[in-house]
């Protein structure tokens, strides 16, 4: 018989081996769980979600994030939000430095830079088992893809209208059913300012003029701003007409001077002259109308964008329609599946839909619009504006990637400013602009190979 202490040692060894085997089995079981979970609990992850917006959008998004984390305790979402100014530049720097967020809200004109040559964005089409794209009209979804990839999920439908102050129109005897043209805007605007030197028919900044002029360009040409073959979609004569409109706006005091308008870039709802009813109308994306409805000094109305006086000469209606924003995923996120689930929840979950409402535009999904209509959460004016915009929708949609290139955008914006400030004539501006755009296009084409 073995000594007592040897028997004790043998029993300890057997118990240790048994426990080790159990632990091994537990580890094996845990490893078999998706996401490397333990005790059948999902792996704890932290996602960074980045967007820009006004206070209403920010508050709604933060509320949605809190609800998501309550429903998914294993997920911690860090909210990163700021004003629109500087958002794109910061985002590009983050991608370049490998510090970009996991989920981001962007506009589709950034696809070319972020999803093209740089391939910073993931193809959400790889996660169709986690993201339900069937809630978006298939034809509309096709217009929102990039190079055949589902780069982003559209957060909302977008359109463009002229938003106007009904009291202003009554004061200056402007019929609300006026069919606006590029010509009568100048004629009527001159008369308004002649009656009151503090009054301007149009409130606009160079950024809004860029989008308005692209409507004019499509009406003149029926082309993309930049063609797919990297050539210009307009002639010098076309551009002279467009820049002449800019010059006429400011020379005839139809629009508030750029020197003061620039102080309220992308936030003209905060402009004292608009708030005080000293400006009559402005180009506005449908999704932004709620920001202007908060001003209760006067009643608002919506109408279609200007058209050419000879409509038979118009080659396209020109009005932009598309997606307001897209939710996209960082191609290098450590948690692609959790990011995909979060995106799907933002756009398809009934509670998220009610919380986010129309803070990113009228939702792009039929499911969301039905929910909000049943809850009386879609504003009648917003709905009217979207219908007006869709009725005049450009056939040259979506804007192709090269037309949305940010370097080309900056060149055009700068020329609008220079003409608006009277630094160059429309003729000289058109000539210089074409040269600058063609030089940059040659450079881009060379890089793209």
Protein backbone atom coordinates (compact mmCIF):
# COMPACT_ATOMS: atom_id res chain seq x y z
CA UNK A 1 0.00 0.00 0.00
CA UNK A 2 1.24 3.44 -0.93
CA UNK A 3 2.11 5.81 1.89
CA UNK A 4 -0.70 8.18 2.90
CA UNK A 5 1.00 11.31 1.56
CA UNK A 6 1.50 9.66 -1.85
CA UNK A 7 -2.19 8.81 -2.02
CA UNK A 8 -3.05 12.42 -1.18
CA UNK A 9 -0.74 13.67 -3.94
CA UNK A 10 -2.34 11.23 -6.40
CA UNK A 11 -5.86 12.43 -5.51
CA UNK A 12 -4.78 16.10 -5.91
CA UNK A 13 -3.27 15.33 -9.32
CA UNK A 14 -6.45 13.58 -10.46
CA UNK A 15 -8.68 16.46 -9.26
CA UNK A 16 -6.40 19.03 -10.94
CA UNK A 17 -6.50 17.11 -14.21
CA UNK A 18 -10.30 16.87 -14.03
CA UNK A 19 -10.70 20.61 -13.38
CA UNK A 20 -8.26 21.45 -16.14
CA UNK A 21 -10.29 19.34 -18.53
CA UNK A 22 -13.48 21.15 -17.55
CA UNK A 23 -11.79 24.52 -18.01
CA UNK A 24 -10.50 23.42 -21.39
CA UNK A 25 -13.98 22.44 -22.45
CA UNK A 26 -15.36 25.80 -21.28
CA UNK A 27 -12.73 27.69 -23.22
CA UNK A 28 -13.49 25.61 -26.27
CA UNK A 29 -17.22 26.28 -25.86
CA UNK A 30 -16.61 29.98 -25.38
CA UNK A 31 -14.40 30.20 -28.45
CA UNK A 32 -17.17 28.67 -30.49
CA UNK A 33 -19.42 31.61 -29.63
CA UNK A 34 -19.51 34.42 -32.22
CA UNK A 35 -17.29 37.37 -31.39
CA UNK A 36 -15.11 35.52 -28.90
CA UNK A 37 -17.69 35.71 -26.10
CA UNK A 38 -17.41 34.35 -22.58
CA UNK A 39 -20.20 32.70 -20.56
CA UNK A 40 -22.44 33.06 -23.61
CA UNK A 41 -22.18 36.86 -23.38
CA UNK A 42 -21.31 38.91 -26.49
CA UNK A 43 -17.86 40.40 -26.61
CA UNK A 44 -17.79 43.96 -25.29
CA UNK A 45 -16.96 46.40 -28.07
CA UNK A 46 -16.60 50.13 -28.41
CA UNK A 47 -17.76 51.81 -31.61
CA UNK A 48 -17.09 55.43 -32.52
CA UNK A 49 -19.90 57.16 -34.41
CA UNK A 50 -19.21 60.51 -36.04
CA UNK A 51 -21.59 63.07 -37.59
CA UNK A 52 -22.24 66.80 -37.82
CA UNK A 53 -25.43 68.71 -37.27
CA UNK A 54 -27.51 71.27 -35.49
CA UNK A 55 -28.70 70.87 -31.90
CA UNK A 56 -31.90 69.02 -32.83
CA UNK A 57 -30.03 66.37 -34.81
CA UNK A 58 -27.39 66.01 -32.12
CA UNK A 59 -29.91 65.55 -29.31
CA UNK A 60 -31.96 63.03 -31.27
CA UNK A 61 -28.87 61.03 -32.24
CA UNK A 62 -27.58 60.95 -28.68
CA UNK A 63 -30.99 59.73 -27.48
CA UNK A 64 -30.94 56.99 -30.13
CA UNK A 65 -27.43 55.97 -29.11
CA UNK A 66 -28.49 55.67 -25.46
CA UNK A 67 -31.40 53.42 -26.42
CA UNK A 68 -29.18 51.23 -28.59
CA UNK A 69 -26.70 50.76 -25.74
CA UNK A 70 -29.57 49.85 -23.39
CA UNK A 71 -30.74 47.23 -25.85
CA UNK A 72 -27.19 46.04 -26.52
CA UNK A 73 -25.28 46.26 -23.21
CA UNK A 74 -22.15 44.79 -24.75
CA UNK A 75 -21.81 47.79 -27.10
CA UNK A 76 -20.41 51.13 -26.02
CA UNK A 77 -20.86 53.87 -28.61
CA UNK A 78 -18.71 56.97 -28.42
CA UNK A 79 -20.45 59.93 -30.02
CA UNK A 80 -18.28 62.38 -31.96
CA UNK A 81 -20.11 65.35 -33.45
CA UNK A 82 -19.34 68.88 -34.53
CA UNK A 83 -20.43 71.65 -36.90
CA UNK A 84 -20.34 71.04 -40.64
CA UNK A 85 -17.46 73.51 -41.08
CA UNK A 86 -14.23 71.53 -40.92
CA UNK A 87 -15.92 68.13 -40.60
CA UNK A 88 -14.71 66.80 -43.96
CA UNK A 89 -11.15 68.02 -43.45
CA UNK A 90 -10.99 66.41 -40.02
CA UNK A 91 -12.43 63.15 -41.36
CA UNK A 92 -9.88 62.94 -44.17
CA UNK A 93 -7.06 63.56 -41.67
CA UNK A 94 -8.44 60.79 -39.44
CA UNK A 95 -8.56 58.32 -42.31
CA UNK A 96 -5.04 59.24 -43.38
CA UNK A 97 -3.80 58.76 -39.83
CA UNK A 98 -5.70 55.53 -39.22
CA UNK A 99 -7.85 57.06 -36.49
CA UNK A 100 -11.21 57.37 -38.30
CA UNK A 101 -14.43 56.39 -36.50
CA UNK A 102 -16.16 53.06 -37.13
CA UNK A 103 -19.49 54.49 -38.36
CA UNK A 104 -19.81 57.91 -39.98
CA UNK A 105 -22.54 60.06 -41.51
CA UNK A 106 -21.36 61.64 -44.76
CA UNK A 107 -22.76 63.19 -47.93
CA UNK A 108 -22.53 61.24 -51.18
CA UNK A 109 -20.34 63.79 -52.94
CA UNK A 110 -17.51 62.56 -50.71
CA UNK A 111 -17.73 59.04 -52.16
CA UNK A 112 -15.18 59.81 -54.87
CA UNK A 113 -12.48 60.74 -52.38
CA UNK A 114 -13.34 58.31 -49.60
CA UNK A 115 -14.48 55.23 -51.51
CA UNK A 116 -12.66 55.61 -54.83
CA UNK A 117 -8.92 55.93 -54.97
CA UNK A 118 -8.50 55.74 -51.18
CA UNK A 119 -10.97 52.91 -50.46
CA UNK A 120 -11.52 54.14 -46.92
CA UNK A 121 -15.13 52.92 -46.85
CA UNK A 122 -16.40 49.36 -46.54
CA UNK A 123 -18.81 47.79 -49.03
CA UNK A 124 -21.98 47.33 -46.98
CA UNK A 125 -23.12 44.85 -49.60
CA UNK A 126 -20.93 42.33 -47.77
CA UNK A 127 -23.31 42.54 -44.81
CA UNK A 128 -26.72 42.11 -46.43
CA UNK A 129 -27.49 39.45 -43.83
CA UNK A 130 -27.16 42.16 -41.17
CA UNK A 131 -28.45 45.22 -43.03
CA UNK A 132 -31.92 45.15 -44.58
CA UNK A 133 -31.69 47.08 -47.86
CA UNK A 134 -35.13 45.89 -48.97
CA UNK A 135 -36.72 48.83 -47.14
CA UNK A 136 -35.24 51.24 -49.73
CA UNK A 137 -36.71 51.45 -53.23
CA UNK A 138 -34.35 49.34 -55.41
CA UNK A 139 -34.20 51.94 -58.22
CA UNK A 140 -33.38 54.70 -55.75
CA UNK A 141 -30.77 52.52 -54.05
CA UNK A 142 -29.00 51.97 -57.37
CA UNK A 143 -28.54 55.72 -57.75
CA UNK A 144 -26.89 55.82 -54.35
CA UNK A 145 -24.30 53.13 -54.97
CA UNK A 146 -20.73 53.85 -55.99
CA UNK A 147 -18.85 51.74 -58.51
CA UNK A 148 -21.41 48.99 -58.00
CA UNK A 149 -20.85 48.89 -54.25
CA UNK A 150 -23.25 49.67 -51.45
CA UNK A 151 -20.89 52.15 -49.88
CA UNK A 152 -23.53 53.78 -47.71
CA UNK A 153 -27.09 53.37 -46.51
CA UNK A 154 -29.09 56.51 -47.38
CA UNK A 155 -30.36 58.16 -44.22
CA UNK A 156 -32.98 60.27 -45.94
CA UNK A 157 -34.46 61.58 -49.15
CA UNK A 158 -33.35 65.00 -50.26
CA UNK A 159 -34.65 67.60 -52.65
CA UNK A 160 -34.31 71.33 -53.32
CA UNK A 161 -36.85 74.15 -53.38
CA UNK A 162 -37.05 77.89 -52.92
CA UNK A 163 -38.16 78.68 -49.37
CA UNK A 164 -39.93 82.02 -49.11
CA UNK A 165 -41.30 84.45 -46.54
CA UNK A 166 -45.02 84.90 -47.23
CA UNK A 167 -45.18 88.19 -45.33
CA UNK A 168 -42.28 89.55 -47.40
CA UNK A 169 -44.02 88.57 -50.63
CA UNK A 170 -47.21 90.30 -49.53
CA UNK A 171 -45.31 93.44 -48.48
CA UNK A 172 -43.68 93.77 -51.91
CA UNK A 173 -46.68 92.57 -53.95
CA UNK A 174 -44.99 89.39 -55.16
CA UNK A 175 -47.58 86.71 -56.07
CA UNK A 176 -46.93 83.45 -54.26
CA UNK A 177 -47.63 81.50 -57.44
CA UNK A 178 -44.85 83.32 -59.32
CA UNK A 179 -43.02 80.96 -61.64
CA UNK A 180 -39.44 81.92 -60.99
CA UNK A 181 -36.92 82.28 -63.80
CA UNK A 182 -33.30 83.34 -63.78
CA UNK A 183 -34.44 86.56 -65.40
CA UNK A 184 -37.39 87.59 -63.23
CA UNK A 185 -35.45 86.97 -60.03
CA UNK A 186 -33.24 89.88 -61.08
CA UNK A 187 -36.13 92.07 -62.25
CA UNK A 188 -38.26 91.57 -59.13
CA UNK A 189 -35.24 91.74 -56.81
CA UNK A 190 -34.24 95.14 -58.19
CA UNK A 191 -37.73 96.52 -57.50
CA UNK A 192 -37.69 95.18 -53.93
CA UNK A 193 -34.41 96.92 -53.10
CA UNK A 194 -35.57 100.15 -54.76
CA UNK A 195 -38.53 100.21 -52.37
CA UNK A 196 -36.40 99.50 -49.29
CA UNK A 197 -32.61 99.71 -49.29
CA UNK A 198 -32.48 97.28 -46.35
CA UNK A 199 -34.48 94.61 -48.20
CA UNK A 200 -33.14 91.87 -50.49
CA UNK A 201 -35.16 89.34 -52.44
CA UNK A 202 -32.55 86.61 -52.08
CA UNK A 203 -30.61 85.32 -49.12
CA UNK A 204 -27.67 83.25 -50.29
CA UNK A 205 -24.02 82.47 -49.76
CA UNK A 206 -21.50 81.14 -52.26
CA UNK A 207 -22.06 77.55 -51.13
CA UNK A 208 -25.78 77.72 -51.87
CA UNK A 209 -25.04 79.54 -55.13
CA UNK A 210 -22.86 76.62 -56.19
CA UNK A 211 -25.76 74.19 -55.86
CA UNK A 212 -28.22 76.62 -57.46
CA UNK A 213 -25.88 77.22 -60.40
CA UNK A 214 -25.54 73.49 -60.98
CA UNK A 215 -29.30 73.45 -61.50
CA UNK A 216 -28.85 76.21 -64.08
CA UNK A 217 -26.01 74.27 -65.72
CA UNK A 218 -28.12 71.13 -66.11
CA UNK A 219 -30.95 73.16 -67.58
CA UNK A 220 -28.55 74.70 -70.10
CA UNK A 221 -26.72 71.52 -71.06
CA UNK A 222 -28.47 68.37 -69.85
CA UNK A 223 -25.03 67.18 -68.75
CA UNK A 224 -23.21 66.31 -65.58
CA UNK A 225 -21.09 69.21 -64.33
CA UNK A 226 -18.06 67.07 -65.20
CA UNK A 227 -18.52 64.25 -67.67
CA UNK A 228 -17.44 60.69 -66.93
CA UNK A 229 -14.55 61.11 -69.36
CA UNK A 230 -13.15 64.00 -67.25
CA UNK A 231 -14.28 66.70 -69.69
CA UNK A 232 -16.42 69.69 -68.76
CA UNK A 233 -20.17 69.33 -69.11
CA UNK A 234 -20.60 72.95 -70.17
CA UNK A 235 -19.09 75.47 -72.59
CA UNK A 236 -17.49 78.80 -71.84
CA UNK A 237 -20.67 80.49 -73.10
CA UNK A 238 -22.71 78.45 -70.62
CA UNK A 239 -20.45 79.45 -67.75
CA UNK A 240 -20.59 83.12 -68.72
CA UNK A 241 -24.39 82.95 -68.40
CA UNK A 242 -24.12 81.33 -65.00
CA UNK A 243 -21.57 83.78 -63.64
CA UNK A 244 -23.49 86.71 -65.12
CA UNK A 245 -26.42 85.64 -62.98
CA UNK A 246 -24.09 85.81 -59.95
CA UNK A 247 -22.88 89.28 -60.90
CA UNK A 248 -26.44 90.52 -61.49
CA UNK A 249 -27.54 89.26 -58.08
CA UNK A 250 -25.00 91.42 -56.29
CA UNK A 251 -24.65 94.39 -58.63
CA UNK A 252 -28.42 94.93 -58.55
CA UNK A 253 -28.76 94.33 -54.79
CA UNK A 254 -31.02 91.35 -55.40
CA UNK A 255 -29.00 89.33 -52.89
CA UNK A 256 -27.47 90.37 -49.62
CA UNK A 257 -23.78 91.30 -50.10
CA UNK A 258 -21.42 88.34 -49.84
CA UNK A 259 -19.38 90.17 -47.23
CA UNK A 260 -22.22 89.79 -44.71
CA UNK A 261 -23.75 86.56 -46.08
CA UNK A 262 -20.46 84.72 -45.54
CA UNK A 263 -20.85 85.26 -41.78
CA UNK A 264 -23.74 82.81 -41.84
CA UNK A 265 -22.33 80.16 -44.15
CA UNK A 266 -24.55 77.05 -44.01
CA UNK A 267 -26.65 78.61 -41.24
CA UNK A 268 -28.64 81.41 -42.84
CA UNK A 269 -31.46 80.67 -40.40
CA UNK A 270 -29.31 82.56 -37.88
CA UNK A 271 -28.89 85.60 -40.14
CA UNK A 272 -30.55 88.62 -38.43
CA UNK A 273 -31.75 89.99 -41.77
CA UNK A 274 -33.62 86.74 -42.48
CA UNK A 275 -34.97 86.54 -38.94
CA UNK A 276 -36.17 90.16 -39.15
CA UNK A 277 -37.95 89.56 -42.45
CA UNK A 278 -35.63 91.73 -44.57
CA UNK A 279 -34.92 88.95 -47.08
CA UNK A 280 -37.56 87.19 -49.14
CA UNK A 281 -36.43 83.74 -50.23
CA UNK A 282 -33.54 81.37 -50.51
CA UNK A 283 -32.47 78.09 -52.08
CA UNK A 284 -32.95 75.38 -49.53
CA UNK A 285 -32.53 71.64 -49.24
CA UNK A 286 -35.74 70.05 -47.98
CA UNK A 287 -34.03 68.50 -44.96
CA UNK A 288 -33.09 71.94 -43.63
CA UNK A 289 -36.60 73.44 -43.69
CA UNK A 290 -37.38 72.50 -40.05
CA UNK A 291 -34.50 74.75 -38.92
CA UNK A 292 -36.28 77.70 -40.55
CA UNK A 293 -39.73 76.83 -39.22
CA UNK A 294 -38.50 77.55 -35.71
CA UNK A 295 -38.51 81.26 -36.59
CA UNK A 296 -42.03 82.38 -35.78
CA UNK A 297 -41.74 85.98 -37.00
CA UNK A 298 -43.42 85.14 -40.30
CA UNK A 299 -45.08 82.37 -42.28
CA UNK A 300 -43.11 80.29 -44.77
CA UNK A 301 -43.95 78.82 -48.15
CA UNK A 302 -42.13 76.64 -50.67
CA UNK A 303 -41.95 76.81 -54.44
CA UNK A 304 -39.97 75.34 -57.32
CA UNK A 305 -36.45 76.38 -58.31
CA UNK A 306 -35.95 78.92 -61.12
CA UNK A 307 -36.19 77.73 -64.72
CA UNK A 308 -35.11 79.21 -68.03
CA UNK A 309 -37.48 81.82 -69.43
CA UNK A 310 -37.78 79.79 -72.62
CA UNK A 311 -38.60 76.41 -71.11
CA UNK A 312 -38.54 74.79 -74.54
CA UNK A 313 -34.79 75.45 -74.58
CA UNK A 314 -34.26 73.65 -71.28
CA UNK A 315 -32.45 70.36 -71.72
CA UNK A 316 -33.21 69.13 -68.20
CA UNK A 317 -35.38 70.27 -65.25
CA UNK A 318 -32.21 70.51 -63.21
CA UNK A 319 -33.56 70.08 -59.68
CA UNK A 320 -31.44 67.95 -57.40
CA UNK A 321 -33.00 64.96 -55.64
CA UNK A 322 -31.19 62.24 -53.86
CA UNK A 323 -30.03 61.17 -50.45
CA UNK A 324 -29.52 63.62 -47.62
CA UNK A 325 -26.77 61.70 -45.88
CA UNK A 326 -25.34 58.23 -45.84
CA UNK A 327 -24.30 56.04 -42.95
CA UNK A 328 -20.99 54.46 -43.90
CA UNK A 329 -18.52 52.09 -42.30
CA UNK A 330 -14.78 52.50 -41.93
CA UNK A 331 -13.20 49.75 -44.05
CA UNK A 332 -10.65 49.16 -41.27
CA UNK A 333 -13.06 48.94 -38.34
CA UNK A 334 -12.21 46.18 -35.89
CA UNK A 335 -15.93 45.43 -35.51
CA UNK A 336 -17.56 45.30 -38.97
CA UNK A 337 -20.48 43.11 -37.90
CA UNK A 338 -21.34 45.26 -34.88
CA UNK A 339 -21.02 48.38 -37.06
CA UNK A 340 -23.36 46.87 -39.66
CA UNK A 341 -25.90 45.96 -36.98
CA UNK A 342 -25.80 49.50 -35.62
CA UNK A 343 -26.32 51.04 -39.07
CA UNK A 344 -29.26 48.71 -39.71
CA UNK A 345 -30.79 49.66 -36.36
CA UNK A 346 -30.49 53.40 -37.10
CA UNK A 347 -32.44 53.12 -40.36
CA UNK A 348 -34.83 50.23 -39.78
CA UNK A 349 -35.70 49.99 -36.10
CA UNK A 350 -39.12 51.55 -35.33
CA UNK A 351 -37.96 53.19 -32.10
CA UNK A 352 -34.85 54.62 -33.74
CA UNK A 353 -36.98 55.92 -36.62
CA UNK A 354 -39.27 57.79 -34.22
CA UNK A 355 -36.37 59.26 -32.26
CA UNK A 356 -34.35 60.40 -35.28
CA UNK A 357 -37.49 61.52 -37.11
CA UNK A 358 -36.53 63.83 -39.99
CA UNK A 359 -33.33 65.22 -38.45
CA UNK A 360 -31.47 63.82 -41.46
CA UNK A 361 -34.25 64.46 -43.94
CA UNK A 362 -37.40 62.55 -44.79
CA UNK A 363 -36.31 58.93 -44.21
CA UNK A 364 -35.23 57.00 -47.29
CA UNK A 365 -36.96 53.81 -46.24
CA UNK A 366 -40.65 53.22 -46.98
CA UNK A 367 -40.91 51.58 -43.57
CA UNK A 368 -39.74 54.74 -41.80
CA UNK A 369 -41.97 57.08 -43.80
CA UNK A 370 -45.01 54.92 -43.02
CA UNK A 371 -44.20 54.96 -39.31
CA UNK A 372 -43.71 58.73 -39.22
CA UNK A 373 -46.82 59.43 -41.28
CA UNK A 374 -48.90 57.28 -38.94
CA UNK A 375 -47.45 59.18 -36.00
CA UNK A 376 -47.97 62.58 -37.67
CA UNK A 377 -44.24 63.16 -37.40
CA UNK A 378 -43.54 64.25 -40.98
CA UNK A 379 -44.11 67.96 -41.34
CA UNK A 380 -46.66 68.87 -44.04
CA UNK A 381 -44.41 71.62 -45.46
CA UNK A 382 -41.46 69.27 -45.68
CA UNK A 383 -43.64 66.72 -47.45
CA UNK A 384 -44.94 69.43 -49.83
CA UNK A 385 -41.40 70.60 -50.54
CA UNK A 386 -40.23 67.08 -51.31
CA UNK A 387 -43.14 66.57 -53.72
CA UNK A 388 -42.36 69.87 -55.50
CA UNK A 389 -38.72 68.88 -55.79
CA UNK A 390 -39.47 65.39 -57.10
CA UNK A 391 -41.90 66.83 -59.66
CA UNK A 392 -39.03 68.90 -61.12
CA UNK A 393 -36.30 66.34 -60.64
CA UNK A 394 -33.25 66.35 -62.87
CA UNK A 395 -32.82 63.36 -65.13
CA UNK A 396 -29.05 63.79 -64.77
CA UNK A 397 -28.96 62.09 -61.39
CA UNK A 398 -27.21 61.06 -59.36
CA UNK A 399 -24.35 63.49 -59.73
CA UNK A 400 -21.39 61.39 -60.80
CA UNK A 401 -18.36 61.04 -58.57
CA UNK A 402 -16.05 63.37 -60.47
CA UNK A 403 -18.63 66.18 -60.40
CA UNK A 404 -18.58 65.91 -56.62
CA UNK A 405 -14.80 66.02 -56.25
CA UNK A 406 -13.96 68.40 -53.42
CA UNK A 407 -10.99 70.04 -55.16
CA UNK A 408 -13.11 70.89 -58.19
CA UNK A 409 -15.87 72.09 -55.87
CA UNK A 410 -13.42 74.45 -54.13
CA UNK A 411 -12.23 75.88 -57.47
CA UNK A 412 -15.79 76.65 -58.57
CA UNK A 413 -16.68 78.10 -55.17
CA UNK A 414 -13.68 80.40 -55.26
CA UNK A 415 -14.66 81.72 -58.69
CA UNK A 416 -18.22 82.37 -57.52
CA UNK A 417 -16.76 84.42 -54.67
CA UNK A 418 -14.45 86.36 -56.97
CA UNK A 419 -17.29 87.27 -59.34
CA UNK A 420 -19.61 88.03 -56.44
CA UNK A 421 -17.06 90.39 -54.90
CA UNK A 422 -16.48 92.04 -58.28
CA UNK A 423 -12.85 90.94 -58.59
CA UNK A 424 -13.32 89.46 -62.07
CA UNK A 425 -15.95 89.79 -64.80
CA UNK A 426 -18.16 86.80 -65.74
CA UNK A 427 -16.28 86.55 -69.06
CA UNK A 428 -12.84 86.52 -67.49
CA UNK A 429 -14.05 84.34 -64.64
CA UNK A 430 -15.43 81.74 -67.05
CA UNK A 431 -12.16 81.64 -68.96
CA UNK A 432 -10.04 81.30 -65.83
CA UNK A 433 -12.39 78.75 -64.28
CA UNK A 434 -12.31 76.48 -67.31
CA UNK A 435 -8.51 76.57 -67.36
CA UNK A 436 -8.28 75.79 -63.64
CA UNK A 437 -10.80 72.96 -63.87
CA UNK A 438 -9.16 71.41 -66.92
CA UNK A 439 -5.73 71.54 -65.27
CA UNK A 440 -7.06 69.85 -62.16
CA UNK A 441 -8.96 67.27 -64.19
CA UNK A 442 -5.81 66.38 -66.11
CA UNK A 443 -4.03 65.90 -62.80
CA UNK A 444 -6.82 63.74 -61.38
CA UNK A 445 -7.05 61.68 -64.57
CA UNK A 446 -3.30 61.08 -64.48
CA UNK A 447 -3.47 59.93 -60.86
CA UNK A 448 -6.41 57.69 -61.56
CA UNK A 449 -4.53 56.20 -64.51
